[in-house]
Amino acid sequence: MTWPSNAPPRRDGDTAAGIEITDGFERFSQRNDIFTRAFWDDSVRSRQTDAFFASYRMEAAPRRGDGFTQRDFALRNAAWYVSDLVSKRSAAEGVREGFQAPIRGDTPLAPEPVAVDDPAAMSAEIKRIARFFGADLCGITGFDERWLYAARVDVRDFSEAPNDLPQGITSVIVLGHEMEESLVATYPSALAGAATGREYSHEAAIVMQLAAYIRNLGHEAVASMNDTGLAIPYAVQAGLGEYARNQMVITPEYGPRLRFSKIFTSLPLAHDAPRRPGVAKFCDICTKCADACPVKALPYGPPTDAGPNISAIRGVRKWTSDAEKCFGFWAKLASDCAICMRVCPFNRDFRKPRHRLWLRLALSRFRRLALWLDRKRGKRVKPSEWWQAP
């Protein structure tokens, strides 16, 4: 095929990562992200979407039923608190840090850069420091412009704004942050949303601290959460896991139960190799996420490069959800939904021997047996049971 003119040359790692680009590839504009569209696109915005965002202020939080009480919303909104502080600090300038713009570097670059003679040793050091600050996973890949947003968003009027990075960026450090398993088990609920909010707050602190460490070494580092570029392809290329039907990265440590953050840096680093252990082959025979989706936003059948609406990236052959249907259900709930995460057969604690044994089956030719063994798992736990647990 002819490689798209608006993308860097093809690299050997693309096939290994399982990321297939077609001739119709286009970099994605963040203005078309479904959460951003909810502010400017009348076909998405409604009273329900306004109520969804308002529910993150307690005076607007609804009170209805188990998992959606004032206490549930209170915990969810408190879990978001640190992330909210970071995202709001420059909002008056049209910059929502961590979501529509990178987190600004408050730490100046040290005037004398530390020399790096061994990029592999420096990569090991960065992973150690990432763990020290609280990251659960860390992988490193090369800077790939294809996954940068074609434009970021000015949140004052939701117009497109330049998505610039400093010169000399060569690597992307990808961090994984585990979501609380017992909370994930209560999806869909406002209570479960605390698992999401807690990790956004965790990652905001961790990614800022790690970026500050690198800048103290005299090398450029831009802390990033949902902003600047697509986290999933960077996570896949960094060897953290494999893309699945539920639109998530399945990791051998935590399955899909992760949030990802990233750091764009000029620090000389060795890069990790992508892995394809066999998750996609399992997804070929498993449709538990698509079956469980209340609004049928997840796809059946094989991966395709066709997207249902403008909130899908063009020219990447993969499983793609209908973001409009998905977000519509979120708006109805007044909270996030991750039923697809909860029911995923890989949603396990792989620190336990029995789950590691299941993983070996799932990634082997005995995957149908693994799917059969999973048939009774993934049922929703009542949120009230989480509150009553010791």
Protein backbone atom coordinates (compact mmCIF):
# COMPACT_ATOMS: atom_id res chain seq x y z
CA MET A 1 0.00 0.00 0.00
CA THR A 2 0.97 3.65 -0.29
CA TRP A 3 1.73 5.07 3.12
CA PRO A 4 -0.38 8.19 3.90
CA SER A 5 1.44 11.41 3.10
CA ASN A 6 0.35 12.99 6.37
CA ALA A 7 2.02 10.33 8.52
CA PRO A 8 5.61 9.36 9.31
CA PRO A 9 7.17 6.48 7.37
CA ARG A 10 6.01 3.03 8.33
CA ARG A 11 8.00 1.41 11.12
CA ASP A 12 8.70 -2.26 11.62
CA GLY A 13 6.82 -2.23 14.93
CA ASP A 14 3.44 -1.43 13.39
CA THR A 15 2.59 -4.99 12.38
CA ALA A 16 3.86 -6.35 15.67
CA ALA A 17 1.67 -3.88 17.54
CA GLY A 18 -1.41 -5.03 15.65
CA ILE A 19 -2.17 -1.50 14.43
CA GLU A 20 -3.23 -1.62 10.79
CA ILE A 21 -3.37 1.69 8.94
CA THR A 22 -5.25 2.02 5.64
CA ASP A 23 -4.95 4.51 2.79
CA GLY A 24 -7.76 6.58 4.31
CA PHE A 25 -5.80 7.40 7.47
CA GLU A 26 -6.29 10.85 8.96
CA ARG A 27 -5.04 12.22 12.23
CA PHE A 28 -7.89 12.77 14.66
CA SER A 29 -9.04 16.24 15.69
CA GLN A 30 -9.88 16.37 19.38
CA ARG A 31 -12.81 18.64 18.64
CA ASN A 32 -14.56 15.50 17.39
CA ASP A 33 -14.05 13.61 20.63
CA ILE A 34 -17.52 12.73 21.92
CA PHE A 35 -17.03 14.54 25.23
CA THR A 36 -15.96 17.72 23.44
CA ARG A 37 -18.76 17.39 20.90
CA ALA A 38 -21.22 17.39 23.79
CA PHE A 39 -20.42 21.10 24.22
CA TRP A 40 -20.66 22.29 20.61
CA ASP A 41 -22.52 19.70 18.51
CA ASP A 42 -26.30 20.05 18.72
CA SER A 43 -26.71 16.48 17.46
CA VAL A 44 -25.03 15.26 20.66
CA ARG A 45 -25.84 17.93 23.23
CA SER A 46 -29.12 17.63 25.11
CA ARG A 47 -30.63 18.26 28.51
CA GLN A 48 -29.32 14.86 29.55
CA THR A 49 -25.75 15.68 28.53
CA ASP A 50 -25.95 19.00 30.38
CA ALA A 51 -27.22 17.11 33.44
CA PHE A 52 -24.37 14.61 33.10
CA PHE A 53 -21.72 17.31 33.41
CA ALA A 54 -23.72 19.13 36.09
CA SER A 55 -23.83 15.98 38.22
CA TYR A 56 -20.12 16.48 38.95
CA ARG A 57 -21.29 19.41 41.10
CA MET A 58 -23.12 18.07 44.14
CA GLU A 59 -25.91 20.62 43.94
CA ALA A 60 -26.91 19.08 40.61
CA ALA A 61 -26.33 15.41 41.46
CA PRO A 62 -29.51 13.31 41.20
CA ARG A 63 -30.58 11.03 44.04
CA ARG A 64 -32.13 7.82 42.82
CA GLY A 65 -31.68 4.20 43.74
CA ASP A 66 -28.84 1.97 44.83
CA GLY A 67 -25.54 3.22 43.41
CA PHE A 68 -26.93 6.67 42.63
CA THR A 69 -27.47 8.11 46.11
CA GLN A 70 -25.96 11.32 47.43
CA ARG A 71 -23.24 9.28 49.11
CA ASP A 72 -22.34 7.54 45.82
CA PHE A 73 -22.09 10.82 43.92
CA ALA A 74 -20.19 12.37 46.83
CA LEU A 75 -17.49 9.69 46.64
CA ARG A 76 -17.30 9.81 42.85
CA ASN A 77 -16.95 13.59 42.76
CA ALA A 78 -14.41 13.60 45.61
CA ALA A 79 -12.36 11.03 43.69
CA TRP A 80 -12.07 13.50 40.80
CA TYR A 81 -10.98 16.38 43.04
CA VAL A 82 -7.23 16.49 42.35
CA SER A 83 -7.74 16.01 38.62
CA ASP A 84 -10.32 18.82 38.65
CA LEU A 85 -7.89 21.19 40.39
CA VAL A 86 -5.32 20.62 37.65
CA SER A 87 -7.78 20.86 34.76
CA LYS A 88 -9.35 24.11 35.97
CA ARG A 89 -6.24 26.11 36.80
CA SER A 90 -5.84 27.57 33.27
CA ALA A 91 -9.42 27.28 32.02
CA ALA A 92 -9.84 31.07 31.81
CA GLU A 93 -7.22 31.01 29.03
CA GLY A 94 -9.09 28.33 27.10
CA VAL A 95 -6.76 25.62 28.39
CA ARG A 96 -8.19 22.63 30.23
CA GLU A 97 -5.05 20.84 31.33
CA GLY A 98 -4.99 17.07 31.10
CA PHE A 99 -8.04 16.88 28.86
CA GLN A 100 -7.94 19.41 26.00
CA ALA A 101 -4.38 20.60 26.58
CA PRO A 102 -1.22 19.15 28.12
CA ILE A 103 -0.40 19.81 31.75
CA ARG A 104 1.79 22.88 31.89
CA GLY A 105 5.33 22.33 33.12
CA ASP A 106 5.79 24.40 36.27
CA THR A 107 9.31 23.01 36.72
CA PRO A 108 11.91 24.86 34.63
CA LEU A 109 14.43 22.84 32.65
CA ALA A 110 17.68 22.39 34.51
CA PRO A 111 20.38 24.41 32.68
CA GLU A 112 22.85 21.50 32.65
CA PRO A 113 21.29 18.38 31.08
CA VAL A 114 22.36 15.07 32.56
CA ALA A 115 24.32 13.08 29.95
CA VAL A 116 22.71 9.76 29.05
CA ASP A 117 25.27 7.25 27.79
CA ASP A 118 23.03 4.21 28.21
CA PRO A 119 19.38 4.73 27.11
CA ALA A 120 18.44 1.24 28.33
CA ALA A 121 19.70 2.01 31.83
CA MET A 122 17.85 5.33 31.78
CA SER A 123 14.64 3.54 30.74
CA ALA A 124 15.02 1.21 33.72
CA GLU A 125 15.53 4.24 35.96
CA ILE A 126 12.42 5.98 34.62
CA LYS A 127 10.33 2.85 35.23
CA ARG A 128 11.65 2.63 38.78
CA ILE A 129 10.81 6.29 39.44
CA ALA A 130 7.36 5.81 37.87
CA ARG A 131 6.69 2.96 40.31
CA PHE A 132 8.01 5.10 43.17
CA PHE A 133 5.49 7.83 42.39
CA GLY A 134 2.68 5.28 42.18
CA ALA A 135 2.26 4.12 38.57
CA ASP A 136 1.20 0.49 38.26
CA LEU A 137 2.65 -0.01 34.77
CA CYS A 138 5.21 1.83 32.65
CA GLY A 139 6.19 1.26 29.03
CA ILE A 140 8.20 3.39 26.60
CA THR A 141 7.78 3.80 22.86
CA GLY A 142 9.03 6.07 20.12
CA PHE A 143 7.31 9.36 19.38
CA ASP A 144 4.77 8.70 16.61
CA GLU A 145 3.06 11.79 15.16
CA ARG A 146 0.17 9.76 13.77
CA TRP A 147 -1.39 9.54 17.22
CA LEU A 148 -1.14 13.25 17.98
CA TYR A 149 -4.41 15.12 17.68
CA ALA A 150 -4.47 17.16 14.47
CA ALA A 151 -5.64 20.06 16.65
CA ARG A 152 -6.44 20.60 20.30
CA VAL A 153 -9.45 22.53 21.63
CA ASP A 154 -9.86 26.03 23.05
CA VAL A 155 -12.47 25.42 25.76
CA ARG A 156 -13.71 29.03 25.68
CA ASP A 157 -15.50 28.49 22.37
CA PHE A 158 -14.49 24.90 21.46
CA SER A 159 -12.67 26.00 18.35
CA GLU A 160 -9.55 24.24 17.12
CA ALA A 161 -6.20 25.41 18.49
CA PRO A 162 -2.62 24.42 17.56
CA ASN A 163 -1.45 21.19 19.15
CA ASP A 164 2.22 22.03 19.55
CA LEU A 165 4.96 20.14 21.34
CA PRO A 166 8.54 21.31 22.01
CA GLN A 167 11.21 20.46 19.47
CA GLY A 168 13.29 17.35 20.06
CA ILE A 169 10.63 14.98 21.40
CA THR A 170 11.77 11.42 20.68
CA SER A 171 9.93 9.16 23.14
CA VAL A 172 6.59 8.65 24.85
CA ILE A 173 6.47 7.23 28.37
CA VAL A 174 3.12 5.52 28.96
CA LEU A 175 1.88 4.94 32.49
CA GLY A 176 -0.91 2.56 33.54
CA HIS A 177 -3.06 3.16 36.64
CA GLU A 178 -5.12 0.27 38.02
CA MET A 179 -8.81 0.86 38.75
CA GLU A 180 -10.27 -0.55 41.96
CA GLU A 181 -11.61 -4.03 41.12
CA SER A 182 -14.39 -4.03 43.73
CA LEU A 183 -15.73 -0.70 42.44
CA VAL A 184 -15.56 -1.79 38.80
CA ALA A 185 -17.77 -4.72 39.80
CA THR A 186 -20.61 -2.26 40.56
CA TYR A 187 -20.83 -0.72 37.08
CA PRO A 188 -23.09 0.90 36.04
CA SER A 189 -23.34 3.21 39.06
CA ALA A 190 -22.16 6.59 40.23
CA LEU A 191 -20.27 4.67 42.92
CA ALA A 192 -18.25 2.84 40.25
CA GLY A 193 -17.35 6.22 38.77
CA ALA A 194 -15.17 6.74 41.85
CA ALA A 195 -12.80 4.12 40.40
CA THR A 196 -12.40 6.28 37.29
CA GLY A 197 -12.07 9.57 39.15
CA ARG A 198 -9.55 8.22 41.65
CA GLU A 199 -7.19 7.12 38.88
CA TYR A 200 -7.50 10.42 37.02
CA SER A 201 -6.49 12.17 40.24
CA HIS A 202 -3.69 9.67 40.79
CA GLU A 203 -2.38 9.99 37.26
CA ALA A 204 -2.50 13.79 37.36
CA ALA A 205 -0.16 13.78 40.35
CA ILE A 206 2.07 10.97 39.08
CA VAL A 207 2.52 12.27 35.55
CA MET A 208 3.34 15.77 36.84
CA GLN A 209 5.89 14.40 39.30
CA LEU A 210 7.62 12.17 36.75
CA ALA A 211 7.72 14.99 34.19
CA ALA A 212 9.21 17.29 36.86
CA TYR A 213 11.91 14.69 37.58
CA ILE A 214 12.89 14.55 33.89
CA ARG A 215 12.89 18.34 33.60
CA ASN A 216 15.13 18.48 36.68
CA LEU A 217 17.52 16.29 34.68
CA GLY A 218 17.59 19.01 32.02
CA HIS A 219 15.48 17.20 29.39
CA GLU A 220 12.13 18.21 27.95
CA ALA A 221 9.07 16.44 29.38
CA VAL A 222 5.41 17.24 28.70
CA ALA A 223 2.89 15.67 31.09
CA SER A 224 -0.26 14.43 29.35
CA MET A 225 -3.50 12.67 30.28
CA ASN A 226 -6.36 12.59 27.73
CA ASP A 227 -4.88 15.54 25.85
CA THR A 228 -2.38 15.93 22.99
CA GLY A 229 -2.56 12.41 21.59
CA LEU A 230 -4.37 9.07 21.66
CA ALA A 231 -3.22 7.03 24.65
CA ILE A 232 -4.31 3.60 23.42
CA PRO A 233 -2.02 3.25 20.37
CA TYR A 234 0.91 4.59 22.40
CA ALA A 235 0.15 2.05 25.16
CA VAL A 236 -0.02 -0.78 22.61
CA GLN A 237 3.21 0.28 20.94
CA ALA A 238 4.87 0.56 24.37
CA GLY A 239 4.19 -3.12 24.97
CA LEU A 240 1.70 -2.69 27.80
CA GLY A 241 -1.01 -4.81 26.22
CA GLU A 242 -3.19 -5.62 23.24
CA TYR A 243 -6.26 -3.86 21.85
CA ALA A 244 -9.60 -5.61 22.36
CA ARG A 245 -13.18 -5.59 21.09
CA ASN A 246 -14.28 -3.46 24.08
CA GLN A 247 -11.99 -0.61 22.86
CA MET A 248 -9.60 -1.17 25.75
CA VAL A 249 -6.01 -2.31 26.14
CA ILE A 250 -5.87 -5.74 27.77
CA THR A 251 -2.80 -6.03 29.98
CA PRO A 252 -1.38 -9.27 31.44
CA GLU A 253 -1.35 -7.69 34.90
CA TYR A 254 -4.79 -6.07 35.24
CA GLY A 255 -6.74 -6.97 32.12
CA PRO A 256 -8.71 -3.88 30.93
CA ARG A 257 -8.93 -2.30 34.40
CA LEU A 258 -6.59 0.64 33.73
CA ARG A 259 -6.40 4.32 32.90
CA PHE A 260 -3.41 5.55 30.90
CA SER A 261 -1.34 8.72 31.02
CA LYS A 262 1.78 9.67 29.06
CA ILE A 263 4.84 11.90 28.95
CA PHE A 264 6.36 13.26 25.74
CA THR A 265 10.09 13.63 26.28
CA SER A 266 13.47 14.29 24.69
CA LEU A 267 15.26 12.16 27.29
CA PRO A 268 17.28 9.44 25.48
CA LEU A 269 15.46 6.18 26.21
CA ALA A 270 15.35 2.61 24.95
CA HIS A 271 11.95 1.57 23.62
CA ASP A 272 9.88 -1.45 24.57
CA ALA A 273 8.64 -3.87 21.95
CA PRO A 274 4.88 -4.25 21.37
CA ARG A 275 3.29 -7.58 22.30
CA ARG A 276 0.51 -9.57 20.67
CA PRO A 277 0.01 -12.52 23.02
CA GLY A 278 -3.34 -13.54 21.56
CA VAL A 279 -6.01 -11.24 23.00
CA ALA A 280 -7.36 -10.38 19.54
CA LYS A 281 -7.80 -14.09 18.76
CA PHE A 282 -9.80 -14.46 21.96
CA CYS A 283 -11.94 -11.43 21.05
CA ASP A 284 -12.64 -13.07 17.69
CA ILE A 285 -14.68 -15.72 19.52
CA CYS A 286 -15.93 -13.60 22.45
CA THR A 287 -18.69 -10.99 22.29
CA LYS A 288 -19.49 -10.66 26.01
CA CYS A 289 -18.88 -6.90 25.96
CA ALA A 290 -21.02 -6.33 22.86
CA ASP A 291 -23.77 -8.58 24.24
CA ALA A 292 -23.82 -6.72 27.57
CA CYS A 293 -23.82 -3.18 26.16
CA PRO A 294 -27.32 -1.76 26.88
CA VAL A 295 -27.33 0.47 23.78
CA LYS A 296 -25.41 -1.89 21.48
CA ALA A 297 -22.58 0.58 20.95
CA LEU A 298 -19.89 -2.11 20.65
CA PRO A 299 -19.22 -3.94 17.39
CA TYR A 300 -19.73 -7.54 16.39
CA GLY A 301 -17.72 -9.17 13.62
CA PRO A 302 -14.11 -8.54 12.60
CA PRO A 303 -12.22 -5.24 12.85
CA THR A 304 -12.91 -2.67 10.14
CA ASP A 305 -11.64 0.78 9.18
CA ALA A 306 -15.19 2.13 8.94
CA GLY A 307 -16.39 4.34 11.79
CA PRO A 308 -20.06 5.03 12.63
CA ASN A 309 -19.59 8.80 13.07
CA ILE A 310 -17.01 11.60 13.27
CA SER A 311 -15.93 10.53 16.76
CA ALA A 312 -14.07 7.57 15.22
CA ILE A 313 -10.56 7.93 13.82
CA ARG A 314 -10.40 7.33 10.08
CA GLY A 315 -8.14 4.86 8.38
CA VAL A 316 -7.31 2.49 11.24
CA ARG A 317 -8.64 -1.07 10.97
CA LYS A 318 -9.88 -1.98 14.43
CA TRP A 319 -12.98 -2.63 16.51
CA THR A 320 -14.73 0.72 16.86
CA SER A 321 -17.61 1.64 19.14
CA ASP A 322 -20.47 4.00 18.36
CA ALA A 323 -19.42 6.83 20.66
CA GLU A 324 -22.73 8.66 20.25
CA LYS A 325 -24.74 5.69 21.55
CA CYS A 326 -22.22 5.10 24.33
CA PHE A 327 -22.18 8.69 25.57
CA GLY A 328 -25.94 8.91 25.29
CA PHE A 329 -26.20 6.13 27.84
CA TRP A 330 -23.64 7.86 30.09
CA ALA A 331 -25.76 11.01 29.95
CA LYS A 332 -28.87 9.05 30.90
CA LEU A 333 -27.03 7.58 33.91
CA ALA A 334 -25.46 10.91 34.90
CA SER A 335 -22.27 8.89 35.33
CA ASP A 336 -19.76 6.89 33.35
CA CYS A 337 -20.49 3.32 32.27
CA ALA A 338 -17.95 0.54 32.00
CA ILE A 339 -20.14 -2.53 31.79
CA CYS A 340 -17.86 -3.67 28.97
CA MET A 341 -14.91 -3.56 31.39
CA ARG A 342 -16.81 -5.37 34.13
CA VAL A 343 -17.94 -8.29 31.95
CA CYS A 344 -14.65 -8.71 30.06
CA PRO A 345 -13.23 -12.19 30.72
CA PHE A 346 -9.80 -10.58 31.19
CA ASN A 347 -11.12 -8.47 34.09
CA ARG A 348 -9.26 -10.52 36.69
CA ASP A 349 -6.60 -10.21 39.34
CA PHE A 350 -3.70 -11.95 37.65
CA ARG A 351 -1.68 -11.92 40.86
CA LYS A 352 -3.74 -14.98 41.81
CA PRO A 353 -2.50 -18.36 40.46
CA ARG A 354 -5.93 -19.54 39.25
CA HIS A 355 -6.35 -16.43 37.11
CA ARG A 356 -2.85 -16.76 35.69
CA LEU A 357 -3.76 -20.33 34.71
CA TRP A 358 -6.93 -19.04 33.03
CA LEU A 359 -4.86 -16.45 31.16
CA ARG A 360 -2.59 -19.16 29.77
CA LEU A 361 -5.66 -20.99 28.45
CA ALA A 362 -7.20 -17.82 27.01
CA LEU A 363 -4.04 -16.96 25.06
CA SER A 364 -3.62 -20.49 23.72
CA ARG A 365 -5.47 -22.74 21.30
CA PHE A 366 -7.68 -23.68 24.26
CA ARG A 367 -9.29 -20.23 24.25
CA ARG A 368 -12.79 -21.67 23.75
CA LEU A 369 -12.38 -23.64 26.97
CA ALA A 370 -11.29 -20.43 28.71
CA LEU A 371 -14.38 -18.66 27.40
CA TRP A 372 -16.61 -21.49 28.63
CA LEU A 373 -14.99 -21.35 32.07
CA ASP A 374 -15.77 -17.62 32.21
CA ARG A 375 -19.48 -18.04 31.50
CA LYS A 376 -20.66 -17.25 35.07
CA ARG A 377 -18.29 -14.36 35.81
CA GLY A 378 -18.81 -10.63 35.38
CA LYS A 379 -22.13 -10.26 37.16
CA ARG A 380 -22.87 -6.87 38.70
CA VAL A 381 -22.34 -6.42 42.44
CA LYS A 382 -24.91 -4.22 44.15
CA PRO A 383 -23.30 -0.92 45.15
CA SER A 384 -24.85 -1.22 48.61
CA GLU A 385 -22.78 -4.37 49.13
CA TRP A 386 -19.60 -2.36 48.49
CA TRP A 387 -20.57 0.11 51.22
CA GLN A 388 -21.36 -2.74 53.63
CA ALA A 389 -18.11 -4.64 53.02
CA PRO A 390 -15.63 -4.62 55.91
